[in-house]
Amino acid sequence: MDELAATLVTLRLYQILPDYPSVTAALQAAQTWLRGLSSDDVLHWLQHDLKATEEEVEAVKDRLYLFEDDPPFAEAYYWSAFTAIGL
């Protein structure tokens, strides 16, 4: 699994978790969100929703250049390894 994808889906999960009735529903929503996210969407979300620093945004921007496809995380490889276990 890609560490950028893992970071993004985890941040999104914890961001939206209070709005969902269960961890599994929130995880599925976070995975769906990640699958459809374009590179520009990632940068916008980091800047405006998470209030990331310029340095953080630039580091992610540099990392996104390595992806050939857009959306970069559409393939199951990037989001399918996450599971919710427990109650």
PDB file of N, CA and C in Angstrom:
ATOM      1  N   MET A   1       0.840  -1.176   0.000  1.00  0.00           N
ATOM      2  CA  MET A   1       0.000   0.000   0.000  1.00  0.00           C
ATOM      3  C   MET A   1       0.890   1.245   0.000  1.00  0.00           C
ATOM      4  N   ASP A   2       0.454   2.241  -0.684  1.00  0.00           N
ATOM      5  CA  ASP A   2       1.164   3.500  -0.778  1.00  0.00           C
ATOM      6  C   ASP A   2       0.963   4.316   0.503  1.00  0.00           C
ATOM      7  N   GLU A   3       2.045   4.874   1.049  1.00  0.00           N
ATOM      8  CA  GLU A   3       1.932   5.613   2.317  1.00  0.00           C
ATOM      9  C   GLU A   3       1.125   6.900   2.182  1.00  0.00           C
ATOM     10  N   LEU A   4       1.160   7.552   1.036  1.00  0.00           N
ATOM     11  CA  LEU A   4       0.354   8.761   0.847  1.00  0.00           C
ATOM     12  C   LEU A   4      -1.125   8.399   0.838  1.00  0.00           C
ATOM     13  N   ALA A   5      -1.488   7.362   0.122  1.00  0.00           N
ATOM     14  CA  ALA A   5      -2.878   6.914   0.088  1.00  0.00           C
ATOM     15  C   ALA A   5      -3.349   6.510   1.482  1.00  0.00           C
ATOM     16  N   ALA A   6      -2.509   5.798   2.221  1.00  0.00           N
ATOM     17  CA  ALA A   6      -2.857   5.375   3.575  1.00  0.00           C
ATOM     18  C   ALA A   6      -3.068   6.577   4.486  1.00  0.00           C
ATOM     19  N   THR A   7      -2.215   7.560   4.352  1.00  0.00           N
ATOM     20  CA  THR A   7      -2.351   8.776   5.170  1.00  0.00           C
ATOM     21  C   THR A   7      -3.636   9.507   4.831  1.00  0.00           C
ATOM     22  N   LEU A   8      -3.915   9.663   3.555  1.00  0.00           N
ATOM     23  CA  LEU A   8      -5.114  10.396   3.141  1.00  0.00           C
ATOM     24  C   LEU A   8      -6.395   9.701   3.588  1.00  0.00           C
ATOM     25  N   VAL A   9      -6.481   8.391   3.383  1.00  0.00           N
ATOM     26  CA  VAL A   9      -7.706   7.689   3.767  1.00  0.00           C
ATOM     27  C   VAL A   9      -7.876   7.691   5.288  1.00  0.00           C
ATOM     28  N   THR A  10      -6.796   7.616   6.031  1.00  0.00           N
ATOM     29  CA  THR A  10      -6.884   7.651   7.490  1.00  0.00           C
ATOM     30  C   THR A  10      -7.311   9.025   7.989  1.00  0.00           C
ATOM     31  N   LEU A  11      -6.714  10.075   7.430  1.00  0.00           N
ATOM     32  CA  LEU A  11      -7.125  11.434   7.815  1.00  0.00           C
ATOM     33  C   LEU A  11      -8.593  11.675   7.501  1.00  0.00           C
ATOM     34  N   ARG A  12      -9.012  11.239   6.320  1.00  0.00           N
ATOM     35  CA  ARG A  12     -10.406  11.417   5.924  1.00  0.00           C
ATOM     36  C   ARG A  12     -11.331  10.617   6.822  1.00  0.00           C
ATOM     37  N   LEU A  13     -10.958   9.393   7.158  1.00  0.00           N
ATOM     38  CA  LEU A  13     -11.778   8.565   8.040  1.00  0.00           C
ATOM     39  C   LEU A  13     -12.031   9.277   9.363  1.00  0.00           C
ATOM     40  N   TYR A  14     -10.993   9.778   9.984  1.00  0.00           N
ATOM     41  CA  TYR A  14     -11.171  10.440  11.272  1.00  0.00           C
ATOM     42  C   TYR A  14     -11.888  11.778  11.141  1.00  0.00           C
ATOM     43  N   GLN A  15     -11.795  12.403   9.984  1.00  0.00           N
ATOM     44  CA  GLN A  15     -12.497  13.657   9.750  1.00  0.00           C
ATOM     45  C   GLN A  15     -14.009  13.434   9.668  1.00  0.00           C
ATOM     46  N   ILE A  16     -14.424  12.357   9.013  1.00  0.00           N
ATOM     47  CA  ILE A  16     -15.851  12.131   8.782  1.00  0.00           C
ATOM     48  C   ILE A  16     -16.498  11.175   9.779  1.00  0.00           C
ATOM     49  N   LEU A  17     -15.723  10.511  10.593  1.00  0.00           N
ATOM     50  CA  LEU A  17     -16.232   9.498  11.520  1.00  0.00           C
ATOM     51  C   LEU A  17     -17.409   9.977  12.371  1.00  0.00           C
ATOM     52  N   PRO A  18     -17.388  11.190  12.905  1.00  0.00           N
ATOM     53  CA  PRO A  18     -18.543  11.623  13.717  1.00  0.00           C
ATOM     54  C   PRO A  18     -19.854  11.705  12.938  1.00  0.00           C
ATOM     55  N   ASP A  19     -19.793  11.771  11.624  1.00  0.00           N
ATOM     56  CA  ASP A  19     -20.993  11.912  10.798  1.00  0.00           C
ATOM     57  C   ASP A  19     -21.599  10.573  10.379  1.00  0.00           C
ATOM     58  N   TYR A  20     -20.997   9.473  10.778  1.00  0.00           N
ATOM     59  CA  TYR A  20     -21.446   8.151  10.344  1.00  0.00           C
ATOM     60  C   TYR A  20     -21.838   7.293  11.543  1.00  0.00           C
ATOM     61  N   PRO A  21     -22.787   6.371  11.328  1.00  0.00           N
ATOM     62  CA  PRO A  21     -23.263   5.544  12.447  1.00  0.00           C
ATOM     63  C   PRO A  21     -22.285   4.452  12.879  1.00  0.00           C
ATOM     64  N   SER A  22     -21.300   4.146  12.025  1.00  0.00           N
ATOM     65  CA  SER A  22     -20.338   3.100  12.373  1.00  0.00           C
ATOM     66  C   SER A  22     -19.003   3.383  11.700  1.00  0.00           C
ATOM     67  N   VAL A  23     -17.978   2.735  12.232  1.00  0.00           N
ATOM     68  CA  VAL A  23     -16.648   2.854  11.642  1.00  0.00           C
ATOM     69  C   VAL A  23     -16.651   2.259  10.242  1.00  0.00           C
ATOM     70  N   THR A  24     -17.352   1.159  10.051  1.00  0.00           N
ATOM     71  CA  THR A  24     -17.365   0.529   8.728  1.00  0.00           C
ATOM     72  C   THR A  24     -17.995   1.431   7.682  1.00  0.00           C
ATOM     73  N   ALA A  25     -19.067   2.108   8.025  1.00  0.00           N
ATOM     74  CA  ALA A  25     -19.707   3.021   7.069  1.00  0.00           C
ATOM     75  C   ALA A  25     -18.783   4.199   6.762  1.00  0.00           C
ATOM     76  N   ALA A  26     -18.123   4.721   7.777  1.00  0.00           N
ATOM     77  CA  ALA A  26     -17.193   5.838   7.568  1.00  0.00           C
ATOM     78  C   ALA A  26     -15.985   5.399   6.746  1.00  0.00           C
ATOM     79  N   LEU A  27     -15.482   4.189   7.012  1.00  0.00           N
ATOM     80  CA  LEU A  27     -14.347   3.679   6.249  1.00  0.00           C
ATOM     81  C   LEU A  27     -14.718   3.499   4.783  1.00  0.00           C
ATOM     82  N   GLN A  28     -15.879   2.958   4.523  1.00  0.00           N
ATOM     83  CA  GLN A  28     -16.312   2.788   3.138  1.00  0.00           C
ATOM     84  C   GLN A  28     -16.426   4.149   2.440  1.00  0.00           C
ATOM     85  N   ALA A  29     -16.955   5.139   3.140  1.00  0.00           N
ATOM     86  CA  ALA A  29     -17.069   6.487   2.565  1.00  0.00           C
ATOM     87  C   ALA A  29     -15.686   7.083   2.303  1.00  0.00           C
ATOM     88  N   ALA A  30     -14.754   6.878   3.213  1.00  0.00           N
ATOM     89  CA  ALA A  30     -13.395   7.397   3.031  1.00  0.00           C
ATOM     90  C   ALA A  30     -12.708   6.716   1.850  1.00  0.00           C
ATOM     91  N   GLN A  31     -12.907   5.414   1.699  1.00  0.00           N
ATOM     92  CA  GLN A  31     -12.328   4.693   0.571  1.00  0.00           C
ATOM     93  C   GLN A  31     -12.927   5.165  -0.754  1.00  0.00           C
ATOM     94  N   THR A  32     -14.229   5.345  -0.782  1.00  0.00           N
ATOM     95  CA  THR A  32     -14.900   5.839  -1.984  1.00  0.00           C
ATOM     96  C   THR A  32     -14.405   7.237  -2.339  1.00  0.00           C
ATOM     97  N   TRP A  33     -14.248   8.072  -1.331  1.00  0.00           N
ATOM     98  CA  TRP A  33     -13.723   9.427  -1.520  1.00  0.00           C
ATOM     99  C   TRP A  33     -12.327   9.379  -2.138  1.00  0.00           C
ATOM    100  N   LEU A  34     -11.458   8.534  -1.596  1.00  0.00           N
ATOM    101  CA  LEU A  34     -10.088   8.441  -2.083  1.00  0.00           C
ATOM    102  C   LEU A  34     -10.041   7.968  -3.533  1.00  0.00           C
ATOM    103  N   ARG A  35     -10.887   7.004  -3.875  1.00  0.00           N
ATOM    104  CA  ARG A  35     -10.906   6.460  -5.238  1.00  0.00           C
ATOM    105  C   ARG A  35     -11.179   7.525  -6.288  1.00  0.00           C
ATOM    106  N   GLY A  36     -12.058   8.461  -5.993  1.00  0.00           N
ATOM    107  CA  GLY A  36     -12.454   9.459  -6.972  1.00  0.00           C
ATOM    108  C   GLY A  36     -11.692  10.764  -6.907  1.00  0.00           C
ATOM    109  N   LEU A  37     -10.744  10.856  -6.011  1.00  0.00           N
ATOM    110  CA  LEU A  37     -10.017  12.098  -5.761  1.00  0.00           C
ATOM    111  C   LEU A  37      -8.967  12.368  -6.828  1.00  0.00           C
ATOM    112  N   SER A  38      -9.023  13.535  -7.466  1.00  0.00           N
ATOM    113  CA  SER A  38      -7.982  13.919  -8.420  1.00  0.00           C
ATOM    114  C   SER A  38      -6.803  14.516  -7.658  1.00  0.00           C
ATOM    115  N   SER A  39      -5.701  14.681  -8.339  1.00  0.00           N
ATOM    116  CA  SER A  39      -4.532  15.306  -7.710  1.00  0.00           C
ATOM    117  C   SER A  39      -4.862  16.713  -7.225  1.00  0.00           C
ATOM    118  N   ASP A  40      -5.590  17.462  -8.042  1.00  0.00           N
ATOM    119  CA  ASP A  40      -5.988  18.816  -7.638  1.00  0.00           C
ATOM    120  C   ASP A  40      -6.900  18.788  -6.414  1.00  0.00           C
ATOM    121  N   ASP A  41      -7.794  17.798  -6.351  1.00  0.00           N
ATOM    122  CA  ASP A  41      -8.677  17.654  -5.191  1.00  0.00           C
ATOM    123  C   ASP A  41      -7.873  17.403  -3.916  1.00  0.00           C
ATOM    124  N   VAL A  42      -6.853  16.580  -4.016  1.00  0.00           N
ATOM    125  CA  VAL A  42      -5.996  16.284  -2.859  1.00  0.00           C
ATOM    126  C   VAL A  42      -5.385  17.576  -2.327  1.00  0.00           C
ATOM    127  N   LEU A  43      -4.794  18.350  -3.224  1.00  0.00           N
ATOM    128  CA  LEU A  43      -4.128  19.585  -2.812  1.00  0.00           C
ATOM    129  C   LEU A  43      -5.114  20.600  -2.252  1.00  0.00           C
ATOM    130  N   HIS A  44      -6.277  20.703  -2.865  1.00  0.00           N
ATOM    131  CA  HIS A  44      -7.304  21.628  -2.372  1.00  0.00           C
ATOM    132  C   HIS A  44      -7.774  21.214  -0.975  1.00  0.00           C
ATOM    133  N   TRP A  45      -8.014  19.930  -0.786  1.00  0.00           N
ATOM    134  CA  TRP A  45      -8.472  19.423   0.497  1.00  0.00           C
ATOM    135  C   TRP A  45      -7.431  19.681   1.589  1.00  0.00           C
ATOM    136  N   LEU A  46      -6.171  19.444   1.261  1.00  0.00           N
ATOM    137  CA  LEU A  46      -5.107  19.689   2.236  1.00  0.00           C
ATOM    138  C   LEU A  46      -5.029  21.166   2.619  1.00  0.00           C
ATOM    139  N   GLN A  47      -5.118  22.036   1.627  1.00  0.00           N
ATOM    140  CA  GLN A  47      -4.998  23.470   1.885  1.00  0.00           C
ATOM    141  C   GLN A  47      -6.203  24.029   2.617  1.00  0.00           C
ATOM    142  N   HIS A  48      -7.402  23.682   2.164  1.00  0.00           N
ATOM    143  CA  HIS A  48      -8.599  24.349   2.667  1.00  0.00           C
ATOM    144  C   HIS A  48      -9.292  23.621   3.820  1.00  0.00           C
ATOM    145  N   ASP A  49      -9.343  22.321   3.772  1.00  0.00           N
ATOM    146  CA  ASP A  49     -10.033  21.588   4.837  1.00  0.00           C
ATOM    147  C   ASP A  49      -9.111  21.265   6.014  1.00  0.00           C
ATOM    148  N   LEU A  50      -7.898  20.851   5.697  1.00  0.00           N
ATOM    149  CA  LEU A  50      -6.975  20.465   6.764  1.00  0.00           C
ATOM    150  C   LEU A  50      -6.026  21.575   7.175  1.00  0.00           C
ATOM    151  N   LYS A  51      -6.016  22.665   6.413  1.00  0.00           N
ATOM    152  CA  LYS A  51      -5.155  23.816   6.725  1.00  0.00           C
ATOM    153  C   LYS A  51      -3.678  23.410   6.816  1.00  0.00           C
ATOM    154  N   ALA A  52      -3.252  22.582   5.877  1.00  0.00           N
ATOM    155  CA  ALA A  52      -1.853  22.145   5.828  1.00  0.00           C
ATOM    156  C   ALA A  52      -0.947  23.329   5.493  1.00  0.00           C
ATOM    157  N   THR A  53       0.283  23.236   5.937  1.00  0.00           N
ATOM    158  CA  THR A  53       1.252  24.291   5.639  1.00  0.00           C
ATOM    159  C   THR A  53       1.657  24.218   4.168  1.00  0.00           C
ATOM    160  N   GLU A  54       2.259  25.284   3.686  1.00  0.00           N
ATOM    161  CA  GLU A  54       2.745  25.298   2.303  1.00  0.00           C
ATOM    162  C   GLU A  54       3.763  24.197   2.066  1.00  0.00           C
ATOM    163  N   GLU A  55       4.619  23.966   3.055  1.00  0.00           N
ATOM    164  CA  GLU A  55       5.633  22.927   2.927  1.00  0.00           C
ATOM    165  C   GLU A  55       4.989  21.537   2.810  1.00  0.00           C
ATOM    166  N   GLU A  56       3.962  21.306   3.605  1.00  0.00           N
ATOM    167  CA  GLU A  56       3.270  20.022   3.553  1.00  0.00           C
ATOM    168  C   GLU A  56       2.583  19.822   2.203  1.00  0.00           C
ATOM    169  N   VAL A  57       1.930  20.865   1.728  1.00  0.00           N
ATOM    170  CA  VAL A  57       1.248  20.787   0.434  1.00  0.00           C
ATOM    171  C   VAL A  57       2.252  20.553  -0.693  1.00  0.00           C
ATOM    172  N   GLU A  58       3.377  21.244  -0.638  1.00  0.00           N
ATOM    173  CA  GLU A  58       4.415  21.060  -1.668  1.00  0.00           C
ATOM    174  C   GLU A  58       4.976  19.647  -1.646  1.00  0.00           C
ATOM    175  N   ALA A  59       5.155  19.085  -0.468  1.00  0.00           N
ATOM    176  CA  ALA A  59       5.666  17.714  -0.362  1.00  0.00           C
ATOM    177  C   ALA A  59       4.686  16.726  -0.996  1.00  0.00           C
ATOM    178  N   VAL A  60       3.402  16.928  -0.746  1.00  0.00           N
ATOM    179  CA  VAL A  60       2.386  16.055  -1.350  1.00  0.00           C
ATOM    180  C   VAL A  60       2.330  16.286  -2.852  1.00  0.00           C
ATOM    181  N   LYS A  61       2.430  17.527  -3.271  1.00  0.00           N
ATOM    182  CA  LYS A  61       2.422  17.846  -4.700  1.00  0.00           C
ATOM    183  C   LYS A  61       3.576  17.141  -5.418  1.00  0.00           C
ATOM    184  N   ASP A  62       4.746  17.169  -4.822  1.00  0.00           N
ATOM    185  CA  ASP A  62       5.901  16.471  -5.393  1.00  0.00           C
ATOM    186  C   ASP A  62       5.639  14.970  -5.496  1.00  0.00           C
ATOM    187  N   ARG A  63       5.007  14.420  -4.492  1.00  0.00           N
ATOM    188  CA  ARG A  63       4.696  12.984  -4.476  1.00  0.00           C
ATOM    189  C   ARG A  63       3.665  12.631  -5.544  1.00  0.00           C
ATOM    190  N   LEU A  64       2.679  13.519  -5.740  1.00  0.00           N
ATOM    191  CA  LEU A  64       1.629  13.260  -6.722  1.00  0.00           C
ATOM    192  C   LEU A  64       2.159  13.250  -8.157  1.00  0.00           C
ATOM    193  N   TYR A  65       3.274  13.938  -8.395  1.00  0.00           N
ATOM    194  CA  TYR A  65       3.874  13.939  -9.725  1.00  0.00           C
ATOM    195  C   TYR A  65       4.344  12.551 -10.145  1.00  0.00           C
ATOM    196  N   LEU A  66       4.538  11.667  -9.195  1.00  0.00           N
ATOM    197  CA  LEU A  66       4.996  10.318  -9.500  1.00  0.00           C
ATOM    198  C   LEU A  66       3.896   9.431 -10.080  1.00  0.00           C
ATOM    199  N   PHE A  67       2.647   9.857  -9.919  1.00  0.00           N
ATOM    200  CA  PHE A  67       1.521   9.076 -10.422  1.00  0.00           C
ATOM    201  C   PHE A  67       1.252   9.430 -11.875  1.00  0.00           C
ATOM    202  N   GLU A  68       1.042   8.416 -12.689  1.00  0.00           N
ATOM    203  CA  GLU A  68       0.760   8.640 -14.101  1.00  0.00           C
ATOM    204  C   GLU A  68      -0.718   8.888 -14.351  1.00  0.00           C
ATOM    205  N   ASP A  69      -1.576   8.301 -13.533  1.00  0.00           N
ATOM    206  CA  ASP A  69      -3.015   8.400 -13.730  1.00  0.00           C
ATOM    207  C   ASP A  69      -3.631   9.468 -12.840  1.00  0.00           C
ATOM    208  N   ASP A  70      -4.764   9.978 -13.283  1.00  0.00           N
ATOM    209  CA  ASP A  70      -5.538  10.907 -12.462  1.00  0.00           C
ATOM    210  C   ASP A  70      -7.002  10.542 -12.650  1.00  0.00           C
ATOM    211  N   PRO A  71      -7.671  10.073 -11.620  1.00  0.00           N
ATOM    212  CA  PRO A  71      -7.302  10.133 -10.214  1.00  0.00           C
ATOM    213  C   PRO A  71      -6.210   9.123  -9.857  1.00  0.00           C
ATOM    214  N   PRO A  72      -5.286   9.556  -9.022  1.00  0.00           N
ATOM    215  CA  PRO A  72      -4.122   8.714  -8.723  1.00  0.00           C
ATOM    216  C   PRO A  72      -4.420   7.483  -7.873  1.00  0.00           C
ATOM    217  N   PHE A  73      -5.506   7.495  -7.114  1.00  0.00           N
ATOM    218  CA  PHE A  73      -5.769   6.406  -6.172  1.00  0.00           C
ATOM    219  C   PHE A  73      -6.994   5.575  -6.545  1.00  0.00           C
ATOM    220  N   ALA A  74      -7.332   5.538  -7.820  1.00  0.00           N
ATOM    221  CA  ALA A  74      -8.521   4.807  -8.267  1.00  0.00           C
ATOM    222  C   ALA A  74      -8.373   3.293  -8.143  1.00  0.00           C
ATOM    223  N   GLU A  75      -7.176   2.798  -8.294  1.00  0.00           N
ATOM    224  CA  GLU A  75      -6.948   1.347  -8.227  1.00  0.00           C
ATOM    225  C   GLU A  75      -7.120   0.828  -6.802  1.00  0.00           C
ATOM    226  N   ALA A  76      -7.661  -0.370  -6.678  1.00  0.00           N
ATOM    227  CA  ALA A  76      -7.927  -0.980  -5.369  1.00  0.00           C
ATOM    228  C   ALA A  76      -6.675  -1.118  -4.510  1.00  0.00           C
ATOM    229  N   TYR A  77      -5.535  -1.212  -5.135  1.00  0.00           N
ATOM    230  CA  TYR A  77      -4.262  -1.323  -4.409  1.00  0.00           C
ATOM    231  C   TYR A  77      -4.120  -0.222  -3.358  1.00  0.00           C
ATOM    232  N   TYR A  78      -4.622   0.956  -3.642  1.00  0.00           N
ATOM    233  CA  TYR A  78      -4.416   2.116  -2.778  1.00  0.00           C
ATOM    234  C   TYR A  78      -5.383   2.206  -1.606  1.00  0.00           C
ATOM    235  N   TRP A  79      -6.537   1.574  -1.685  1.00  0.00           N
ATOM    236  CA  TRP A  79      -7.535   1.776  -0.637  1.00  0.00           C
ATOM    237  C   TRP A  79      -8.145   0.489  -0.075  1.00  0.00           C
ATOM    238  N   SER A  80      -7.953  -0.647  -0.731  1.00  0.00           N
ATOM    239  CA  SER A  80      -8.690  -1.844  -0.326  1.00  0.00           C
ATOM    240  C   SER A  80      -8.105  -2.584   0.875  1.00  0.00           C
ATOM    241  N   ALA A  81      -6.909  -2.278   1.298  1.00  0.00           N
ATOM    242  CA  ALA A  81      -6.301  -3.005   2.411  1.00  0.00           C
ATOM    243  C   ALA A  81      -6.895  -2.628   3.763  1.00  0.00           C
ATOM    244  N   PHE A  82      -7.608  -1.534   3.829  1.00  0.00           N
ATOM    245  CA  PHE A  82      -8.196  -1.109   5.101  1.00  0.00           C
ATOM    246  C   PHE A  82      -9.428  -1.919   5.425  1.00  0.00           C
ATOM    247  N   THR A  83      -9.508  -2.374   6.666  1.00  0.00           N
ATOM    248  CA  THR A  83     -10.684  -3.088   7.156  1.00  0.00           C
ATOM    249  C   THR A  83     -11.013  -2.595   8.554  1.00  0.00           C
ATOM    250  N   ALA A  84     -12.258  -2.721   8.923  1.00  0.00           N
ATOM    251  CA  ALA A  84     -12.700  -2.378  10.272  1.00  0.00           C
ATOM    252  C   ALA A  84     -13.009  -3.687  11.001  1.00  0.00           C
ATOM    253  N   ILE A  85     -12.413  -3.863  12.164  1.00  0.00           N
ATOM    254  CA  ILE A  85     -12.587  -5.080  12.939  1.00  0.00           C
ATOM    255  C   ILE A  85     -13.089  -4.705  14.327  1.00  0.00           C
ATOM    256  N   GLY A  86     -14.058  -5.441  14.813  1.00  0.00           N
ATOM    257  CA  GLY A  86     -14.564  -5.184  16.154  1.00  0.00           C
ATOM    258  C   GLY A  86     -16.018  -4.781  16.129  1.00  0.00           C
ATOM    259  N   LEU A  87     -16.450  -4.219  17.221  1.00  0.00           N
ATOM    260  CA  LEU A  87     -17.862  -3.855  17.355  1.00  0.00           C
ATOM    261  C   LEU A  87     -18.197  -2.600  16.606  1.00  0.00           C
TER     262      LEU A  87
END
